[in-house]
C-alpha atoms as a PDB file:
ATOM      1  CA  MET A   1       3.154 -28.571  50.252  1.00  0.00           C
ATOM      2  CA  PRO A   2       1.791 -27.037  47.064  1.00  0.00           C
ATOM      3  CA  GLN A   3       4.372 -26.528  44.374  1.00  0.00           C
ATOM      4  CA  GLN A   4       5.539 -23.003  43.832  1.00  0.00           C
ATOM      5  CA  GLY A   5       4.386 -21.605  40.448  1.00  0.00           C
ATOM      6  CA  ARG A   6       6.932 -21.434  37.660  1.00  0.00           C
ATOM      7  CA  ARG A   7       8.456 -18.001  37.271  1.00  0.00           C
ATOM      8  CA  ARG A   8       7.116 -16.135  34.245  1.00  0.00           C
ATOM      9  CA  HIS A   9       9.592 -15.710  31.380  1.00  0.00           C
ATOM     10  CA  VAL A  10      10.741 -12.082  31.182  1.00  0.00           C
ATOM     11  CA  SER A  11      11.154 -10.802  27.637  1.00  0.00           C
ATOM     12  CA  ILE A  12      12.915  -7.819  26.154  1.00  0.00           C
ATOM     13  CA  THR A  13       9.441  -6.376  25.504  1.00  0.00           C
ATOM     14  CA  ASP A  14       8.764  -6.445  29.260  1.00  0.00           C
ATOM     15  CA  VAL A  15      12.010  -4.581  29.923  1.00  0.00           C
ATOM     16  CA  ALA A  16      11.255  -1.949  27.280  1.00  0.00           C
ATOM     17  CA  ALA A  17       7.715  -1.395  28.588  1.00  0.00           C
ATOM     18  CA  GLU A  18       8.818  -1.099  32.224  1.00  0.00           C
ATOM     19  CA  ALA A  19      11.657   1.288  31.351  1.00  0.00           C
ATOM     20  CA  GLY A  20       9.479   3.352  29.017  1.00  0.00           C
ATOM     21  CA  VAL A  21      11.830   2.954  26.060  1.00  0.00           C
ATOM     22  CA  SER A  22      11.825   1.051  22.758  1.00  0.00           C
ATOM     23  CA  ILE A  23      13.002  -2.511  22.269  1.00  0.00           C
ATOM     24  CA  THR A  24      15.734  -1.086  20.053  1.00  0.00           C
ATOM     25  CA  THR A  25      17.040   1.058  22.916  1.00  0.00           C
ATOM     26  CA  VAL A  26      17.202  -1.963  25.238  1.00  0.00           C
ATOM     27  CA  SER A  27      19.061  -3.847  22.495  1.00  0.00           C
ATOM     28  CA  HIS A  28      21.598  -1.038  22.165  1.00  0.00           C
ATOM     29  CA  VAL A  29      22.139  -0.869  25.937  1.00  0.00           C
ATOM     30  CA  LEU A  30      22.886  -4.579  26.144  1.00  0.00           C
ATOM     31  CA  SER A  31      24.927  -4.906  22.962  1.00  0.00           C
ATOM     32  CA  GLY A  32      26.929  -1.702  23.387  1.00  0.00           C
ATOM     33  CA  GLN A  33      26.923  -1.337  19.595  1.00  0.00           C
ATOM     34  CA  ARG A  34      25.090   2.014  19.536  1.00  0.00           C
ATOM     35  CA  PRO A  35      25.415   5.028  21.885  1.00  0.00           C
ATOM     36  CA  VAL A  36      22.723   5.470  24.531  1.00  0.00           C
ATOM     37  CA  SER A  37      22.650   8.266  27.114  1.00  0.00           C
ATOM     38  CA  ALA A  38      24.006   7.483  30.562  1.00  0.00           C
ATOM     39  CA  ALA A  39      20.656   8.220  32.202  1.00  0.00           C
ATOM     40  CA  THR A  40      18.741   5.908  29.860  1.00  0.00           C
ATOM     41  CA  THR A  41      21.363   3.181  30.197  1.00  0.00           C
ATOM     42  CA  ALA A  42      21.129   3.346  33.985  1.00  0.00           C
ATOM     43  CA  LYS A  43      17.332   3.186  33.878  1.00  0.00           C
ATOM     44  CA  VAL A  44      17.318   0.184  31.528  1.00  0.00           C
ATOM     45  CA  ARG A  45      19.927  -1.712  33.564  1.00  0.00           C
ATOM     46  CA  LYS A  46      17.965  -1.039  36.763  1.00  0.00           C
ATOM     47  CA  VAL A  47      14.813  -2.528  35.201  1.00  0.00           C
ATOM     48  CA  ILE A  48      16.795  -5.529  33.912  1.00  0.00           C
ATOM     49  CA  ALA A  49      18.009  -6.216  37.430  1.00  0.00           C
ATOM     50  CA  GLU A  50      14.562  -5.778  38.989  1.00  0.00           C
ATOM     51  CA  LEU A  51      12.806  -8.048  36.467  1.00  0.00           C
ATOM     52  CA  GLY A  52      15.568 -10.633  36.307  1.00  0.00           C
ATOM     53  CA  TYR A  53      15.894 -10.440  32.548  1.00  0.00           C
ATOM     54  CA  GLU A  54      18.714 -12.582  31.126  1.00  0.00           C
ATOM     55  CA  PRO A  55      20.767 -10.761  28.452  1.00  0.00           C
ATOM     56  CA  ASN A  56      21.728 -13.971  26.653  1.00  0.00           C
ATOM     57  CA  GLN A  57      18.151 -14.022  25.305  1.00  0.00           C
ATOM     58  CA  LEU A  58      18.952 -10.761  23.558  1.00  0.00           C
ATOM     59  CA  ALA A  59      22.128 -12.176  22.081  1.00  0.00           C
ATOM     60  CA  ARG A  60      20.063 -14.765  20.275  1.00  0.00           C
ATOM     61  CA  GLY A  61      17.687 -12.010  19.154  1.00  0.00           C
ATOM     62  CA  LEU A  62      20.622 -10.028  17.775  1.00  0.00           C
ATOM     63  CA  ARG A  63      21.250 -12.697  15.161  1.00  0.00           C
ATOM     64  CA  LEU A  64      23.995 -14.605  16.990  1.00  0.00           C
ATOM     65  CA  GLN A  65      21.967 -17.740  16.334  1.00  0.00           C
ATOM     66  CA  ARG A  66      19.694 -18.655  13.438  1.00  0.00           C
ATOM     67  CA  THR A  67      16.089 -19.754  13.933  1.00  0.00           C
ATOM     68  CA  ASN A  68      15.458 -20.689  10.283  1.00  0.00           C
ATOM     69  CA  THR A  69      12.250 -18.660  10.278  1.00  0.00           C
ATOM     70  CA  VAL A  70      11.235 -15.590   8.290  1.00  0.00           C
ATOM     71  CA  ALA A  71       8.149 -13.495   9.063  1.00  0.00           C
ATOM     72  CA  LEU A  72       5.713 -12.210   6.441  1.00  0.00           C
ATOM     73  CA  VAL A  73       3.451  -9.431   7.730  1.00  0.00           C
ATOM     74  CA  VAL A  74       0.479  -8.643   5.449  1.00  0.00           C
ATOM     75  CA  PRO A  75      -2.577  -6.393   5.804  1.00  0.00           C
ATOM     76  CA  ASP A  76      -5.244  -8.935   4.791  1.00  0.00           C
ATOM     77  CA  ILE A  77      -4.597 -12.654   4.436  1.00  0.00           C
ATOM     78  CA  THR A  78      -8.107 -13.145   2.976  1.00  0.00           C
ATOM     79  CA  ASN A  79      -7.052 -11.178  -0.119  1.00  0.00           C
ATOM     80  CA  PRO A  80      -5.789 -13.903  -2.522  1.00  0.00           C
ATOM     81  CA  PHE A  81      -2.933 -11.615  -3.595  1.00  0.00           C
ATOM     82  CA  TYR A  82      -1.046 -12.212  -0.333  1.00  0.00           C
ATOM     83  CA  PRO A  83      -1.113 -16.034  -0.312  1.00  0.00           C
ATOM     84  CA  LEU A  84       0.573 -15.802  -3.729  1.00  0.00           C
ATOM     85  CA  ILE A  85       3.266 -13.613  -2.175  1.00  0.00           C
ATOM     86  CA  ALA A  86       3.637 -16.204   0.603  1.00  0.00           C
ATOM     87  CA  ARG A  87       3.800 -19.034  -1.930  1.00  0.00           C
ATOM     88  CA  GLY A  88       6.569 -17.302  -3.846  1.00  0.00           C
ATOM     89  CA  LEU A  89       8.447 -16.601  -0.637  1.00  0.00           C
ATOM     90  CA  GLN A  90       8.186 -20.238   0.422  1.00  0.00           C
ATOM     91  CA  ASN A  91       9.294 -21.385  -3.049  1.00  0.00           C
ATOM     92  CA  MET A  92      12.625 -19.674  -2.402  1.00  0.00           C
ATOM     93  CA  LEU A  93      13.033 -20.250   1.327  1.00  0.00           C
ATOM     94  CA  GLY A  94      11.686 -23.799   1.664  1.00  0.00           C
ATOM     95  CA  PRO A  95      14.575 -25.503  -0.177  1.00  0.00           C
ATOM     96  CA  ALA A  96      16.966 -23.578   2.098  1.00  0.00           C
ATOM     97  CA  GLY A  97      15.244 -25.025   5.182  1.00  0.00           C
ATOM     98  CA  VAL A  98      13.629 -21.721   6.188  1.00  0.00           C
ATOM     99  CA  GLN A  99       9.981 -21.596   7.308  1.00  0.00           C
ATOM    100  CA  VAL A 100       7.632 -18.659   6.726  1.00  0.00           C
ATOM    101  CA  LEU A 101       5.489 -17.289   9.582  1.00  0.00           C
ATOM    102  CA  VAL A 102       2.523 -15.237   8.313  1.00  0.00           C
ATOM    103  CA  THR A 103       0.751 -12.514  10.316  1.00  0.00           C
ATOM    104  CA  SER A 104      -2.289 -10.558   9.109  1.00  0.00           C
ATOM    105  CA  THR A 105      -2.823  -7.066  10.572  1.00  0.00           C
ATOM    106  CA  ASP A 106      -6.046  -5.698   9.021  1.00  0.00           C
ATOM    107  CA  ALA A 107      -3.884  -2.745   7.904  1.00  0.00           C
ATOM    108  CA  ASP A 108      -3.986  -1.398  11.483  1.00  0.00           C
ATOM    109  CA  PRO A 109      -0.755   0.565  12.180  1.00  0.00           C
ATOM    110  CA  SER A 110      -0.763  -0.363  15.879  1.00  0.00           C
ATOM    111  CA  VAL A 111      -1.127  -4.066  15.023  1.00  0.00           C
ATOM    112  CA  GLU A 112       1.642  -3.729  12.422  1.00  0.00           C
ATOM    113  CA  ASP A 113       3.961  -2.193  15.020  1.00  0.00           C
ATOM    114  CA  ALA A 114       3.142  -4.917  17.536  1.00  0.00           C
ATOM    115  CA  ALA A 115       3.729  -7.626  14.918  1.00  0.00           C
ATOM    116  CA  VAL A 116       7.165  -6.248  14.048  1.00  0.00           C
ATOM    117  CA  GLN A 117       8.159  -6.036  17.714  1.00  0.00           C
ATOM    118  CA  GLN A 118       6.940  -9.590  18.284  1.00  0.00           C
ATOM    119  CA  MET A 119       9.048 -10.852  15.393  1.00  0.00           C
ATOM    120  CA  ILE A 120      12.090  -9.136  16.910  1.00  0.00           C
ATOM    121  CA  THR A 121      11.551 -10.924  20.213  1.00  0.00           C
ATOM    122  CA  ARG A 122      10.920 -14.222  18.399  1.00  0.00           C
ATOM    123  CA  ARG A 123      14.341 -13.765  16.786  1.00  0.00           C
ATOM    124  CA  VAL A 124      13.205 -14.346  13.204  1.00  0.00           C
ATOM    125  CA  ASP A 125      16.036 -14.405  10.679  1.00  0.00           C
ATOM    126  CA  GLY A 126      14.301 -12.037   8.268  1.00  0.00           C
ATOM    127  CA  LEU A 127      11.179  -9.922   7.846  1.00  0.00           C
ATOM    128  CA  ALA A 128       9.021  -9.309   4.768  1.00  0.00           C
ATOM    129  CA  PHE A 129       6.519  -6.512   5.352  1.00  0.00           C
ATOM    130  CA  ALA A 130       3.519  -5.698   3.167  1.00  0.00           C
ATOM    131  CA  GLY A 131       0.966  -2.998   3.900  1.00  0.00           C
ATOM    132  CA  TYR A 132      -1.341  -0.579   2.162  1.00  0.00           C
ATOM    133  CA  GLN A 133       0.959   2.043   3.691  1.00  0.00           C
ATOM    134  CA  ALA A 134       4.376   0.413   3.392  1.00  0.00           C
ATOM    135  CA  ASP A 135       6.426   2.555   5.758  1.00  0.00           C
ATOM    136  CA  HIS A 136      10.100   2.429   6.702  1.00  0.00           C
ATOM    137  CA  ARG A 137       9.198   3.486  10.240  1.00  0.00           C
ATOM    138  CA  ARG A 138       7.137   0.326  10.704  1.00  0.00           C
ATOM    139  CA  VAL A 139      10.187  -1.887  10.268  1.00  0.00           C
ATOM    140  CA  ALA A 140      13.092   0.340  11.347  1.00  0.00           C
ATOM    141  CA  ALA A 141      13.436  -1.392  14.729  1.00  0.00           C
ATOM    142  CA  ALA A 142      13.969  -4.783  13.062  1.00  0.00           C
ATOM    143  CA  ALA A 143      16.598  -3.385  10.686  1.00  0.00           C
ATOM    144  CA  GLU A 144      18.414  -1.642  13.536  1.00  0.00           C
ATOM    145  CA  VAL A 145      18.940  -4.909  15.416  1.00  0.00           C
ATOM    146  CA  GLY A 146      20.326  -6.596  12.316  1.00  0.00           C
ATOM    147  CA  ILE A 147      17.274  -8.398  10.944  1.00  0.00           C
ATOM    148  CA  PRO A 148      17.216  -8.273   7.114  1.00  0.00           C
ATOM    149  CA  VAL A 149      14.028  -6.524   5.994  1.00  0.00           C
ATOM    150  CA  VAL A 150      12.254  -6.403   2.633  1.00  0.00           C
ATOM    151  CA  LEU A 151       9.343  -4.030   2.123  1.00  0.00           C
ATOM    152  CA  LEU A 152       6.631  -4.931  -0.369  1.00  0.00           C
ATOM    153  CA  GLY A 153       5.712  -1.457  -1.452  1.00  0.00           C
ATOM    154  CA  GLY A 154       6.717   1.573  -3.444  1.00  0.00           C
ATOM    155  CA  LEU A 155       9.233   3.238  -1.141  1.00  0.00           C
ATOM    156  CA  THR A 156      12.876   3.941  -1.854  1.00  0.00           C
ATOM    157  CA  PRO A 157      15.304   1.508  -0.176  1.00  0.00           C
ATOM    158  CA  ARG A 158      17.269   2.651   2.862  1.00  0.00           C
ATOM    159  CA  PRO A 159      20.084   1.049   4.880  1.00  0.00           C
ATOM    160  CA  GLY A 160      19.017  -2.413   6.016  1.00  0.00           C
ATOM    161  CA  ILE A 161      15.716  -2.291   4.103  1.00  0.00           C
ATOM    162  CA  ASP A 162      15.312  -3.633   0.562  1.00  0.00           C
ATOM    163  CA  VAL A 163      12.178  -2.998  -1.509  1.00  0.00           C
ATOM    164  CA  VAL A 164      10.202  -5.200  -3.923  1.00  0.00           C
ATOM    165  CA  SER A 165       7.380  -3.401  -5.683  1.00  0.00           C
ATOM    166  CA  SER A 166       5.247  -3.079  -8.767  1.00  0.00           C
ATOM    167  CA  ASP A 167       5.358   0.239 -10.619  1.00  0.00           C
ATOM    168  CA  ASP A 168       1.996   1.423  -9.326  1.00  0.00           C
ATOM    169  CA  VAL A 169       1.959   4.789 -11.065  1.00  0.00           C
ATOM    170  CA  ALA A 170       2.600   3.059 -14.388  1.00  0.00           C
ATOM    171  CA  GLY A 171      -0.055   0.487 -13.513  1.00  0.00           C
ATOM    172  CA  GLY A 172      -2.742   3.091 -12.920  1.00  0.00           C
ATOM    173  CA  GLU A 173      -1.704   4.861 -16.099  1.00  0.00           C
ATOM    174  CA  ILE A 174      -1.830   1.830 -18.403  1.00  0.00           C
ATOM    175  CA  ALA A 175      -5.151   0.718 -16.901  1.00  0.00           C
ATOM    176  CA  ALA A 176      -6.783   4.090 -17.528  1.00  0.00           C
ATOM    177  CA  LYS A 177      -5.266   4.301 -21.022  1.00  0.00           C
ATOM    178  CA  TYR A 178      -6.688   0.874 -21.804  1.00  0.00           C
ATOM    179  CA  LEU A 179     -10.183   2.024 -20.808  1.00  0.00           C
ATOM    180  CA  ILE A 180      -9.767   5.232 -22.798  1.00  0.00           C
ATOM    181  CA  SER A 181      -8.695   3.222 -25.843  1.00  0.00           C
ATOM    182  CA  ARG A 182     -11.879   1.158 -25.511  1.00  0.00           C
ATOM    183  CA  GLY A 183     -13.968   4.326 -25.873  1.00  0.00           C
ATOM    184  CA  TYR A 184     -15.127   4.822 -22.280  1.00  0.00           C
ATOM    185  CA  GLN A 185     -15.829   8.466 -21.454  1.00  0.00           C
ATOM    186  CA  ARG A 186     -16.460   8.741 -17.701  1.00  0.00           C
ATOM    187  CA  ILE A 187     -13.884   6.584 -15.969  1.00  0.00           C
ATOM    188  CA  ALA A 188     -14.147   6.319 -12.187  1.00  0.00           C
ATOM    189  CA  PHE A 189     -11.623   4.998  -9.678  1.00  0.00           C
ATOM    190  CA  ILE A 190     -12.407   3.138  -6.449  1.00  0.00           C
ATOM    191  CA  THR A 191      -9.442   3.444  -4.091  1.00  0.00           C
ATOM    192  CA  GLY A 192      -8.558   3.178  -0.402  1.00  0.00           C
ATOM    193  CA  VAL A 193      -9.276   5.688   2.330  1.00  0.00           C
ATOM    194  CA  GLU A 194      -5.617   6.549   2.881  1.00  0.00           C
ATOM    195  CA  ARG A 195      -3.932   8.945   0.458  1.00  0.00           C
ATOM    196  CA  VAL A 196      -0.552   7.206   0.510  1.00  0.00           C
ATOM    197  CA  GLY A 197       0.957   3.934  -0.669  1.00  0.00           C
ATOM    198  CA  SER A 198       0.147   1.782  -3.678  1.00  0.00           C
ATOM    199  CA  PRO A 199      -3.538   2.798  -4.013  1.00  0.00           C
ATOM    200  CA  ALA A 200      -2.579   6.481  -4.079  1.00  0.00           C
ATOM    201  CA  ASN A 201       0.130   5.819  -6.660  1.00  0.00           C
ATOM    202  CA  ARG A 202      -2.367   4.015  -8.866  1.00  0.00           C
ATOM    203  CA  VAL A 203      -4.714   6.990  -8.673  1.00  0.00           C
ATOM    204  CA  ALA A 204      -1.791   9.243  -9.656  1.00  0.00           C
ATOM    205  CA  GLY A 205      -1.222   7.101 -12.756  1.00  0.00           C
ATOM    206  CA  TYR A 206      -4.938   7.248 -13.612  1.00  0.00           C
ATOM    207  CA  ARG A 207      -4.900  11.033 -13.368  1.00  0.00           C
ATOM    208  CA  LYS A 208      -1.821  11.202 -15.593  1.00  0.00           C
ATOM    209  CA  ALA A 209      -3.552   9.113 -18.252  1.00  0.00           C
ATOM    210  CA  LEU A 210      -6.584  11.415 -18.189  1.00  0.00           C
ATOM    211  CA  ARG A 211      -4.350  14.463 -18.470  1.00  0.00           C
ATOM    212  CA  ASP A 212      -2.365  13.013 -21.363  1.00  0.00           C
ATOM    213  CA  ALA A 213      -5.618  12.231 -23.187  1.00  0.00           C
ATOM    214  CA  GLY A 214      -6.942  15.756 -22.632  1.00  0.00           C
ATOM    215  CA  ARG A 215      -9.681  14.465 -20.333  1.00  0.00           C
ATOM    216  CA  PRO A 216     -10.866  16.527 -17.345  1.00  0.00           C
ATOM    217  CA  PHE A 217     -10.347  15.086 -13.865  1.00  0.00           C
ATOM    218  CA  SER A 218     -13.524  14.892 -11.770  1.00  0.00           C
ATOM    219  CA  PRO A 219     -12.983  14.434  -7.995  1.00  0.00           C
ATOM    220  CA  SER A 220     -16.492  12.980  -7.696  1.00  0.00           C
ATOM    221  CA  LEU A 221     -15.369   9.997  -9.778  1.00  0.00           C
ATOM    222  CA  VAL A 222     -12.681   9.004  -7.244  1.00  0.00           C
ATOM    223  CA  VAL A 223     -14.377   7.160  -4.379  1.00  0.00           C
ATOM    224  CA  ARG A 224     -12.451   6.265  -1.230  1.00  0.00           C
ATOM    225  CA  GLU A 225     -13.618   3.186   0.609  1.00  0.00           C
ATOM    226  CA  GLU A 226     -12.402   0.261   2.674  1.00  0.00           C
ATOM    227  CA  ILE A 227     -10.233  -1.974   0.494  1.00  0.00           C
ATOM    228  CA  SER A 228     -12.486  -5.040   0.580  1.00  0.00           C
ATOM    229  CA  ARG A 229     -15.247  -6.691  -1.404  1.00  0.00           C
ATOM    230  CA  ASP A 230     -17.925  -4.956   0.683  1.00  0.00           C
ATOM    231  CA  GLY A 231     -16.077  -1.662   0.244  1.00  0.00           C
ATOM    232  CA  GLY A 232     -16.094  -2.143  -3.522  1.00  0.00           C
ATOM    233  CA  ALA A 233     -19.851  -2.775  -3.524  1.00  0.00           C
ATOM    234  CA  ARG A 234     -20.533   0.332  -1.422  1.00  0.00           C
ATOM    235  CA  ALA A 235     -18.308   2.476  -3.633  1.00  0.00           C
ATOM    236  CA  MET A 236     -20.021   1.225  -6.799  1.00  0.00           C
ATOM    237  CA  ALA A 237     -23.418   2.065  -5.311  1.00  0.00           C
ATOM    238  CA  ARG A 238     -22.221   5.634  -4.662  1.00  0.00           C
ATOM    239  CA  LEU A 239     -20.890   5.983  -8.200  1.00  0.00           C
ATOM    240  CA  LEU A 240     -24.065   4.651  -9.787  1.00  0.00           C
ATOM    241  CA  ALA A 241     -26.113   7.134  -7.747  1.00  0.00           C
ATOM    242  CA  LEU A 242     -24.320  10.118  -9.334  1.00  0.00           C
ATOM    243  CA  ARG A 243     -26.334  12.291 -11.703  1.00  0.00           C
ATOM    244  CA  GLN A 244     -23.796  11.337 -14.366  1.00  0.00           C
ATOM    245  CA  ALA A 245     -22.774   7.798 -13.524  1.00  0.00           C
ATOM    246  CA  PRO A 246     -19.497   6.429 -14.909  1.00  0.00           C
ATOM    247  CA  ASP A 247     -19.421   4.068 -17.863  1.00  0.00           C
ATOM    248  CA  ALA A 248     -16.216   2.410 -16.576  1.00  0.00           C
ATOM    249  CA  VAL A 249     -14.833   1.817 -13.081  1.00  0.00           C
ATOM    250  CA  LEU A 250     -11.167   1.101 -12.320  1.00  0.00           C
ATOM    251  CA  CYS A 251     -10.539  -0.532  -8.936  1.00  0.00           C
ATOM    252  CA  THR A 252      -7.425  -0.467  -6.773  1.00  0.00           C
ATOM    253  CA  ASN A 253      -7.335  -4.274  -6.573  1.00  0.00           C
ATOM    254  CA  ASP A 254      -9.261  -7.309  -7.764  1.00  0.00           C
ATOM    255  CA  VAL A 255     -11.070  -7.898  -4.472  1.00  0.00           C
ATOM    256  CA  VAL A 256     -12.514  -4.380  -4.647  1.00  0.00           C
ATOM    257  CA  ALA A 257     -13.389  -5.029  -8.311  1.00  0.00           C
ATOM    258  CA  ILE A 258     -15.340  -8.155  -7.321  1.00  0.00           C
ATOM    259  CA  GLY A 259     -17.313  -5.963  -4.923  1.00  0.00           C
ATOM    260  CA  ALA A 260     -17.894  -3.451  -7.722  1.00  0.00           C
ATOM    261  CA  LEU A 261     -19.290  -6.273  -9.868  1.00  0.00           C
ATOM    262  CA  ASP A 262     -21.607  -7.161  -6.970  1.00  0.00           C
ATOM    263  CA  GLY A 263     -22.774  -3.544  -6.813  1.00  0.00           C
ATOM    264  CA  ALA A 264     -23.491  -3.388 -10.535  1.00  0.00           C
ATOM    265  CA  LYS A 265     -25.416  -6.664 -10.497  1.00  0.00           C
ATOM    266  CA  ALA A 266     -27.448  -5.476  -7.478  1.00  0.00           C
ATOM    267  CA  ARG A 267     -28.676  -2.603  -9.665  1.00  0.00           C
ATOM    268  CA  GLY A 268     -29.539  -4.967 -12.497  1.00  0.00           C
ATOM    269  CA  LEU A 269     -26.773  -3.607 -14.712  1.00  0.00           C
ATOM    270  CA  LYS A 270     -24.834  -5.592 -17.264  1.00  0.00           C
ATOM    271  CA  VAL A 271     -21.029  -5.652 -17.207  1.00  0.00           C
ATOM    272  CA  PRO A 272     -19.614  -4.388 -19.508  1.00  0.00           C
ATOM    273  CA  GLY A 273     -22.833  -3.480 -21.389  1.00  0.00           C
ATOM    274  CA  ASN A 274     -23.926  -0.784 -18.917  1.00  0.00           C
ATOM    275  CA  VAL A 275     -20.703  -0.255 -16.991  1.00  0.00           C
ATOM    276  CA  ALA A 276     -17.207  -1.713 -17.379  1.00  0.00           C
ATOM    277  CA  VAL A 277     -15.177  -2.897 -14.378  1.00  0.00           C
ATOM    278  CA  MET A 278     -11.405  -3.325 -14.230  1.00  0.00           C
ATOM    279  CA  GLY A 279      -9.247  -4.610 -11.379  1.00  0.00           C
ATOM    280  CA  PHE A 280      -5.623  -4.685 -10.324  1.00  0.00           C
ATOM    281  CA  ASP A 281      -3.380  -7.631  -9.241  1.00  0.00           C
ATOM    282  CA  ASP A 282      -4.635 -10.509 -11.435  1.00  0.00           C
ATOM    283  CA  ILE A 283      -5.463 -12.938  -8.661  1.00  0.00           C
ATOM    284  CA  GLU A 284      -6.579 -16.419  -9.772  1.00  0.00           C
ATOM    285  CA  PHE A 285     -10.270 -15.688  -9.170  1.00  0.00           C
ATOM    286  CA  ALA A 286     -10.139 -12.862 -11.718  1.00  0.00           C
ATOM    287  CA  SER A 287     -10.262 -15.331 -14.596  1.00  0.00           C
ATOM    288  CA  LEU A 288     -13.013 -17.432 -12.985  1.00  0.00           C
ATOM    289  CA  LEU A 289     -15.626 -14.700 -12.585  1.00  0.00           C
ATOM    290  CA  THR A 290     -18.593 -14.108 -14.878  1.00  0.00           C
ATOM    291  CA  PRO A 291     -17.749 -11.934 -16.684  1.00  0.00           C
ATOM    292  CA  ALA A 292     -14.031 -12.699 -16.389  1.00  0.00           C
ATOM    293  CA  LEU A 293     -12.285  -9.688 -14.896  1.00  0.00           C
ATOM    294  CA  THR A 294     -10.087  -7.427 -16.977  1.00  0.00           C
ATOM    295  CA  THR A 295      -7.215  -6.438 -14.696  1.00  0.00           C
ATOM    296  CA  VAL A 296      -3.578  -5.412 -14.353  1.00  0.00           C
ATOM    297  CA  SER A 297      -1.036  -8.130 -13.592  1.00  0.00           C
ATOM    298  CA  ILE A 298       1.747  -7.300 -11.152  1.00  0.00           C
ATOM    299  CA  ARG A 299       3.005 -10.900 -10.783  1.00  0.00           C
ATOM    300  CA  PRO A 300       2.593 -11.515  -7.013  1.00  0.00           C
ATOM    301  CA  LEU A 301       4.124 -14.998  -7.119  1.00  0.00           C
ATOM    302  CA  GLU A 302       7.274 -13.605  -8.731  1.00  0.00           C
ATOM    303  CA  GLN A 303       7.309 -10.711  -6.265  1.00  0.00           C
ATOM    304  CA  GLY A 304       7.276 -13.218  -3.401  1.00  0.00           C
ATOM    305  CA  GLU A 305      10.142 -15.130  -4.989  1.00  0.00           C
ATOM    306  CA  ALA A 306      12.114 -11.892  -5.374  1.00  0.00           C
ATOM    307  CA  VAL A 307      11.589 -11.152  -1.670  1.00  0.00           C
ATOM    308  CA  GLY A 308      12.863 -14.636  -0.836  1.00  0.00           C
ATOM    309  CA  ARG A 309      15.986 -14.200  -2.971  1.00  0.00           C
ATOM    310  CA  LEU A 310      16.818 -10.879  -1.329  1.00  0.00           C
ATOM    311  CA  LEU A 311      16.410 -12.322   2.163  1.00  0.00           C
ATOM    312  CA  LEU A 312      18.568 -15.357   1.368  1.00  0.00           C
ATOM    313  CA  GLU A 313      21.285 -13.115  -0.056  1.00  0.00           C
ATOM    314  CA  ARG A 314      21.231 -10.991   3.087  1.00  0.00           C
ATOM    315  CA  LEU A 315      21.376 -14.064   5.317  1.00  0.00           C
ATOM    316  CA  ASP A 316      24.291 -15.717   3.510  1.00  0.00           C
ATOM    317  CA  GLY A 317      26.212 -12.465   3.099  1.00  0.00           C
ATOM    318  CA  SER A 318      26.197 -12.434  -0.710  1.00  0.00           C
ATOM    319  CA  ALA A 319      24.007  -9.318  -1.111  1.00  0.00           C
ATOM    320  CA  PRO A 320      25.601  -6.008  -2.100  1.00  0.00           C
ATOM    321  CA  ARG A 321      26.215  -3.565   0.721  1.00  0.00           C
ATOM    322  CA  GLN A 322      23.690  -1.007  -0.486  1.00  0.00           C
ATOM    323  CA  ALA A 323      19.947  -1.618  -0.158  1.00  0.00           C
ATOM    324  CA  GLN A 324      18.254  -2.882  -3.309  1.00  0.00           C
ATOM    325  CA  ARG A 325      14.979  -2.269  -5.118  1.00  0.00           C
ATOM    326  CA  ILE A 326      13.328  -4.711  -7.524  1.00  0.00           C
ATOM    327  CA  LEU A 327      10.556  -3.141  -9.608  1.00  0.00           C
ATOM    328  CA  PHE A 328       7.977  -5.193 -11.531  1.00  0.00           C
ATOM    329  CA  ASP A 329       6.382  -3.705 -14.637  1.00  0.00           C
ATOM    330  CA  PRO A 330       2.577  -4.013 -14.769  1.00  0.00           C
ATOM    331  CA  ALA A 331       0.664  -5.362 -17.779  1.00  0.00           C
ATOM    332  CA  VAL A 332      -3.017  -5.238 -18.744  1.00  0.00           C
ATOM    333  CA  VAL A 333      -4.791  -8.617 -18.870  1.00  0.00           C
ATOM    334  CA  ALA A 334      -7.774  -8.082 -21.165  1.00  0.00           C
ATOM    335  CA  ARG A 335     -10.820 -10.252 -20.430  1.00  0.00           C
ATOM    336  CA  GLU A 336     -14.593  -9.711 -20.571  1.00  0.00           C
ATOM    337  CA  SER A 337     -15.485  -7.086 -17.954  1.00  0.00           C
ATOM    338  CA  ALA A 338     -14.018  -4.055 -19.775  1.00  0.00           C
END
């Protein structure tokens, strides 16, 4: 007789999908730690019985056992900024016997949500979340089931969610002031499509610097593009096609700045002779380019280490009760491109 196929493992995600509720709601029904309506509780328990889900799987997911893994969710693992974050995180967690799982989401909110839910079901011990739109809502479900969470972004901490961030408004401001001090008159900014998060804060700092210097703000000099090398090249082409092209271009990160350099070279322009280019992040490649890239350092390796320290403190119970925020001050790194 042919062997009967092995029964498929039923996960908490399956229960939540079948019941039409969130994973968090299923967790609350099974743990009894948070109130859930009688009707919803009955529906969830009915689905549990029908699918044959075993609640002891949830108990492990609710931190009753340690897995010695922490998840790092980033928008673009090809951006050298994020491997530095991961390296810093591993520097802190490795000696404690904790491994780092890295997931790249292409900054897609639906992929980010799915990644967070997957990490809940995998029962990771902690979650570090980075995104161009760092959002408490993205990670609320993990915090609600007791997973320590650290956001890499500019938001204010909230219960269960610590924040590690650079001061992006200050970064945009000091970058623009540096270009102003170098005598550049028409300073453009290449930023992301979304009008929130770190890129938006950097634009806000740039606008403040212009205002403080008595310079007019020109919307045509702020170009919104995909945050990538190709996006930087396309944005530079648009800026150089203006009737009054900029003489300096500030970019929301170094990868975009590399694309801007590509765009300038494609037009046969010299950097900084015809147009200056300045980045943000100070990835390793910034110093290896020709010309070497002037940029703003926000110390990604140290940010990753700070995330690791916060997670370890949460896991061993030594962290203060209130959520914490660690803010890194930016600094201009002057090189050849501006």
